[in-house]
Every structure is written in structure tokens, then in C-alpha cells.
Amino acid sequence: MELESENLTKNQKTVLSVLEKSSEPMKAYTILFDIQKKGIKSPLQVYRALDKLIEIGKVHKIESRNSYIACKHENCNAKNSTTFLICENCEKVIELKRDNLSLYFSKQAVKDNFQYRKHNLEIYGICNDCKGVN
């Protein structure tokens, strides 16, 4: 994983840096707006960088929000299967880093004669910080 980080292009490093500094998921056009001063002018440049960062596990996509978040787990192997807890109030995102969900889904799939490959699970609720607010 460390070797892959060293081989990132300038655009990939720039996009990753913006996401790592963000406290919440960001849409591609928001990323573009934030980095235009650094020479990235095209949405295609952002999407290419995001695709590569997802491929190597540095970034995850929040499908329901069409947004992206930097992975906070070192040596993350969730390149294809991700599970997130998302607060409905403040939109805080927490990545669950557990391999047991993939194992569980694999076992359930075998029972139904289905080959499990990946998942993107988004679980909505209220985070601890917002429990007292509602």
C-alpha cells in the first residue's frame, strides 16, 4: 500500500490531499472547485484520479450521496466491499473495517447458489454526537 502511495500522480496526490483534509464526503465537482488553482481544470482529471484512488483503496465512494471520502484505515483492503455508518443529522461517515461482513455475505450467497463478489453497504442512523440534539 505504501508503495502505491509513492507512485501517485500529481493529480491523484492533489485529490487525495483535499479529501484527507475534509471532515465530510465530497462530490467530484466540489473537489474540482477546491483544486482548480493547482492546475486541475477538468472534471475528467478529477474522476480519473478518483478512480485510481478507489482502485488502490485510498478513497471510497458513498454511492447514495455520489460523493467520496478518504479512507482513514491504514492498509485498507476494502477496495470492492465497503460498509459505512452515516449520520442522518450531521452526515458524519464512519467506515466499518471488519472482514466478517464479507464472510457473512459469502456464506449467505452460497446458500442461494450465488457467487458473492462485493458489497457497498450504507447504514443510516444517528451518531453519538447528534443523539442529544434530536
C-alpha atoms as a PDB file:
ATOM      1  CA  MET A   1       0.000   0.000   0.000  1.00  0.00           C
ATOM      2  CA  GLU A   2       2.820   2.387   0.848  1.00  0.00           C
ATOM      3  CA  LEU A   3       4.473   1.685  -2.499  1.00  0.00           C
ATOM      4  CA  GLU A   4       1.209   2.534  -4.274  1.00  0.00           C
ATOM      5  CA  SER A   5       1.062   5.891  -2.443  1.00  0.00           C
ATOM      6  CA  GLU A   6       4.535   6.774  -3.640  1.00  0.00           C
ATOM      7  CA  ASN A   7       3.534   6.110  -7.247  1.00  0.00           C
ATOM      8  CA  LEU A   8       0.584   8.506  -7.296  1.00  0.00           C
ATOM      9  CA  THR A   9       0.455  11.162  -9.994  1.00  0.00           C
ATOM     10  CA  LYS A  10       0.354  14.859  -9.118  1.00  0.00           C
ATOM     11  CA  ASN A  11      -3.403  14.952  -9.771  1.00  0.00           C
ATOM     12  CA  GLN A  12      -4.030  11.877  -7.624  1.00  0.00           C
ATOM     13  CA  LYS A  13      -1.976  13.339  -4.766  1.00  0.00           C
ATOM     14  CA  THR A  14      -3.845  16.647  -5.048  1.00  0.00           C
ATOM     15  CA  VAL A  15      -7.289  14.991  -4.988  1.00  0.00           C
ATOM     16  CA  LEU A  16      -6.287  12.714  -2.117  1.00  0.00           C
ATOM     17  CA  SER A  17      -4.953  15.659  -0.123  1.00  0.00           C
ATOM     18  CA  VAL A  18      -8.241  17.553  -0.466  1.00  0.00           C
ATOM     19  CA  LEU A  19     -10.228  14.515   0.647  1.00  0.00           C
ATOM     20  CA  GLU A  20      -7.924  13.806   3.587  1.00  0.00           C
ATOM     21  CA  LYS A  21      -8.384  17.374   4.837  1.00  0.00           C
ATOM     22  CA  SER A  22     -12.172  17.231   4.526  1.00  0.00           C
ATOM     23  CA  SER A  23     -14.252  16.247   7.531  1.00  0.00           C
ATOM     24  CA  GLU A  24     -17.081  15.039   5.295  1.00  0.00           C
ATOM     25  CA  PRO A  25     -17.569  13.282   1.942  1.00  0.00           C
ATOM     26  CA  MET A  26     -17.103  15.483  -1.104  1.00  0.00           C
ATOM     27  CA  LYS A  27     -18.666  15.447  -4.561  1.00  0.00           C
ATOM     28  CA  ALA A  28     -16.326  15.417  -7.566  1.00  0.00           C
ATOM     29  CA  TYR A  29     -17.271  18.954  -8.649  1.00  0.00           C
ATOM     30  CA  THR A  30     -16.643  20.266  -5.133  1.00  0.00           C
ATOM     31  CA  ILE A  31     -13.201  18.679  -5.274  1.00  0.00           C
ATOM     32  CA  LEU A  32     -12.632  20.282  -8.687  1.00  0.00           C
ATOM     33  CA  PHE A  33     -13.667  23.697  -7.362  1.00  0.00           C
ATOM     34  CA  ASP A  34     -11.227  23.342  -4.438  1.00  0.00           C
ATOM     35  CA  ILE A  35      -8.244  22.349  -6.608  1.00  0.00           C
ATOM     36  CA  GLN A  36      -8.633  24.440  -9.755  1.00  0.00           C
ATOM     37  CA  LYS A  37      -5.891  26.776  -8.513  1.00  0.00           C
ATOM     38  CA  LYS A  38      -3.497  23.814  -8.544  1.00  0.00           C
ATOM     39  CA  GLY A  39      -3.821  23.277 -12.280  1.00  0.00           C
ATOM     40  CA  ILE A  40      -6.633  20.739 -12.420  1.00  0.00           C
ATOM     41  CA  LYS A  41      -9.302  22.266 -14.638  1.00  0.00           C
ATOM     42  CA  SER A  42     -11.283  19.320 -15.995  1.00  0.00           C
ATOM     43  CA  PRO A  43     -13.841  17.092 -14.261  1.00  0.00           C
ATOM     44  CA  LEU A  44     -12.330  14.197 -16.202  1.00  0.00           C
ATOM     45  CA  GLN A  45      -8.993  14.767 -14.425  1.00  0.00           C
ATOM     46  CA  VAL A  46     -10.752  14.543 -11.055  1.00  0.00           C
ATOM     47  CA  TYR A  47     -12.710  11.420 -11.999  1.00  0.00           C
ATOM     48  CA  ARG A  48      -9.583   9.676 -13.310  1.00  0.00           C
ATOM     49  CA  ALA A  49      -7.742  10.475 -10.083  1.00  0.00           C
ATOM     50  CA  LEU A  50     -10.705   9.262  -8.005  1.00  0.00           C
ATOM     51  CA  ASP A  51     -10.946   6.021  -9.999  1.00  0.00           C
ATOM     52  CA  LYS A  52      -7.298   5.224  -9.331  1.00  0.00           C
ATOM     53  CA  LEU A  53      -7.536   6.200  -5.649  1.00  0.00           C
ATOM     54  CA  ILE A  54     -10.572   3.916  -5.261  1.00  0.00           C
ATOM     55  CA  GLU A  55      -8.740   1.116  -7.075  1.00  0.00           C
ATOM     56  CA  ILE A  56      -5.857   1.217  -4.576  1.00  0.00           C
ATOM     57  CA  GLY A  57      -8.120   1.621  -1.521  1.00  0.00           C
ATOM     58  CA  LYS A  58      -7.172   5.204  -0.612  1.00  0.00           C
ATOM     59  CA  VAL A  59     -10.664   6.584  -1.311  1.00  0.00           C
ATOM     60  CA  HIS A  60     -14.165   5.133  -1.030  1.00  0.00           C
ATOM     61  CA  LYS A  61     -17.330   6.223  -2.792  1.00  0.00           C
ATOM     62  CA  ILE A  62     -20.512   6.872  -0.850  1.00  0.00           C
ATOM     63  CA  GLU A  63     -22.898   5.678  -3.557  1.00  0.00           C
ATOM     64  CA  SER A  64     -26.131   7.145  -2.184  1.00  0.00           C
ATOM     65  CA  ARG A  65     -24.565  10.599  -1.949  1.00  0.00           C
ATOM     66  CA  ASN A  66     -22.439  10.306  -5.099  1.00  0.00           C
ATOM     67  CA  SER A  67     -19.542  11.556  -3.018  1.00  0.00           C
ATOM     68  CA  TYR A  68     -16.081  10.434  -1.985  1.00  0.00           C
ATOM     69  CA  ILE A  69     -14.214  10.054   1.290  1.00  0.00           C
ATOM     70  CA  ALA A  70     -10.560   9.361   2.058  1.00  0.00           C
ATOM     71  CA  CYS A  71     -10.018   6.049   3.795  1.00  0.00           C
ATOM     72  CA  LYS A  72      -8.832   6.537   7.356  1.00  0.00           C
ATOM     73  CA  HIS A  73      -7.672   2.922   7.809  1.00  0.00           C
ATOM     74  CA  GLU A  74      -4.034   2.116   7.147  1.00  0.00           C
ATOM     75  CA  ASN A  75      -3.566  -0.791   4.735  1.00  0.00           C
ATOM     76  CA  CYS A  76      -7.270  -0.859   3.929  1.00  0.00           C
ATOM     77  CA  ASN A  77      -8.215  -3.833   1.804  1.00  0.00           C
ATOM     78  CA  ALA A  78     -11.800  -2.686   1.213  1.00  0.00           C
ATOM     79  CA  LYS A  79     -11.291  -1.840  -2.422  1.00  0.00           C
ATOM     80  CA  ASN A  80     -14.504  -3.519  -3.522  1.00  0.00           C
ATOM     81  CA  SER A  81     -16.543  -4.120  -0.374  1.00  0.00           C
ATOM     82  CA  THR A  82     -17.290  -1.225   1.925  1.00  0.00           C
ATOM     83  CA  THR A  83     -19.615  -0.662   4.852  1.00  0.00           C
ATOM     84  CA  PHE A  84     -20.416   2.775   6.261  1.00  0.00           C
ATOM     85  CA  LEU A  85     -22.432   4.177   9.150  1.00  0.00           C
ATOM     86  CA  ILE A  86     -23.880   7.522   8.042  1.00  0.00           C
ATOM     87  CA  CYS A  87     -25.484  10.001  10.430  1.00  0.00           C
ATOM     88  CA  GLU A  88     -28.783  11.301   9.045  1.00  0.00           C
ATOM     89  CA  ASN A  89     -28.389  14.511  11.025  1.00  0.00           C
ATOM     90  CA  CYS A  90     -24.795  15.722  10.527  1.00  0.00           C
ATOM     91  CA  GLU A  91     -23.828  13.337   7.665  1.00  0.00           C
ATOM     92  CA  LYS A  92     -20.766  12.062   9.552  1.00  0.00           C
ATOM     93  CA  VAL A  93     -19.436   8.901   7.884  1.00  0.00           C
ATOM     94  CA  ILE A  94     -17.733   6.062   9.733  1.00  0.00           C
ATOM     95  CA  GLU A  95     -16.194   3.203   7.777  1.00  0.00           C
ATOM     96  CA  LEU A  96     -16.594  -0.193   9.390  1.00  0.00           C
ATOM     97  CA  LYS A  97     -13.396  -2.140   8.969  1.00  0.00           C
ATOM     98  CA  ARG A  98     -14.465  -5.713   9.501  1.00  0.00           C
ATOM     99  CA  ASP A  99     -13.939  -8.659   7.201  1.00  0.00           C
ATOM    100  CA  ASN A 100     -16.739 -10.627   8.858  1.00  0.00           C
ATOM    101  CA  LEU A 101     -19.424  -8.905   6.745  1.00  0.00           C
ATOM    102  CA  SER A 102     -17.884 -10.148   3.503  1.00  0.00           C
ATOM    103  CA  LEU A 103     -17.604 -13.622   5.025  1.00  0.00           C
ATOM    104  CA  TYR A 104     -21.241 -13.466   6.154  1.00  0.00           C
ATOM    105  CA  PHE A 105     -22.457 -12.323   2.717  1.00  0.00           C
ATOM    106  CA  SER A 106     -20.367 -15.033   1.033  1.00  0.00           C
ATOM    107  CA  LYS A 107     -21.937 -17.743   3.198  1.00  0.00           C
ATOM    108  CA  GLN A 108     -25.452 -16.406   2.582  1.00  0.00           C
ATOM    109  CA  ALA A 109     -24.803 -16.279  -1.159  1.00  0.00           C
ATOM    110  CA  VAL A 110     -23.590 -19.892  -1.244  1.00  0.00           C
ATOM    111  CA  LYS A 111     -26.866 -20.963   0.372  1.00  0.00           C
ATOM    112  CA  ASP A 112     -28.717 -19.380  -2.565  1.00  0.00           C
ATOM    113  CA  ASN A 113     -26.317 -20.724  -5.201  1.00  0.00           C
ATOM    114  CA  PHE A 114     -24.964 -17.232  -5.836  1.00  0.00           C
ATOM    115  CA  GLN A 115     -21.360 -16.073  -6.142  1.00  0.00           C
ATOM    116  CA  TYR A 116     -20.730 -13.078  -3.882  1.00  0.00           C
ATOM    117  CA  ARG A 117     -18.142 -10.618  -5.215  1.00  0.00           C
ATOM    118  CA  LYS A 118     -18.529  -7.301  -3.399  1.00  0.00           C
ATOM    119  CA  HIS A 119     -20.858  -5.014  -1.491  1.00  0.00           C
ATOM    120  CA  ASN A 120     -21.380  -1.358  -0.726  1.00  0.00           C
ATOM    121  CA  LEU A 121     -23.463  -1.106   2.416  1.00  0.00           C
ATOM    122  CA  GLU A 122     -24.610   2.230   3.820  1.00  0.00           C
ATOM    123  CA  ILE A 123     -26.325   2.114   7.197  1.00  0.00           C
ATOM    124  CA  TYR A 124     -28.215   5.245   8.263  1.00  0.00           C
ATOM    125  CA  GLY A 125     -28.903   6.364  11.812  1.00  0.00           C
ATOM    126  CA  ILE A 126     -27.890   8.994  14.355  1.00  0.00           C
ATOM    127  CA  CYS A 127     -24.311   9.330  15.644  1.00  0.00           C
ATOM    128  CA  ASN A 128     -23.452   9.772  19.333  1.00  0.00           C
ATOM    129  CA  ASP A 129     -22.781  13.493  18.869  1.00  0.00           C
ATOM    130  CA  CYS A 130     -26.266  14.067  17.441  1.00  0.00           C
ATOM    131  CA  LYS A 131     -28.257  11.821  19.809  1.00  0.00           C
ATOM    132  CA  GLY A 132     -28.841  14.635  22.280  1.00  0.00           C
ATOM    133  CA  VAL A 133     -29.599  17.180  19.530  1.00  0.00           C
ATOM    134  CA  ASN A 134     -32.766  15.490  18.236  1.00  0.00           C
END
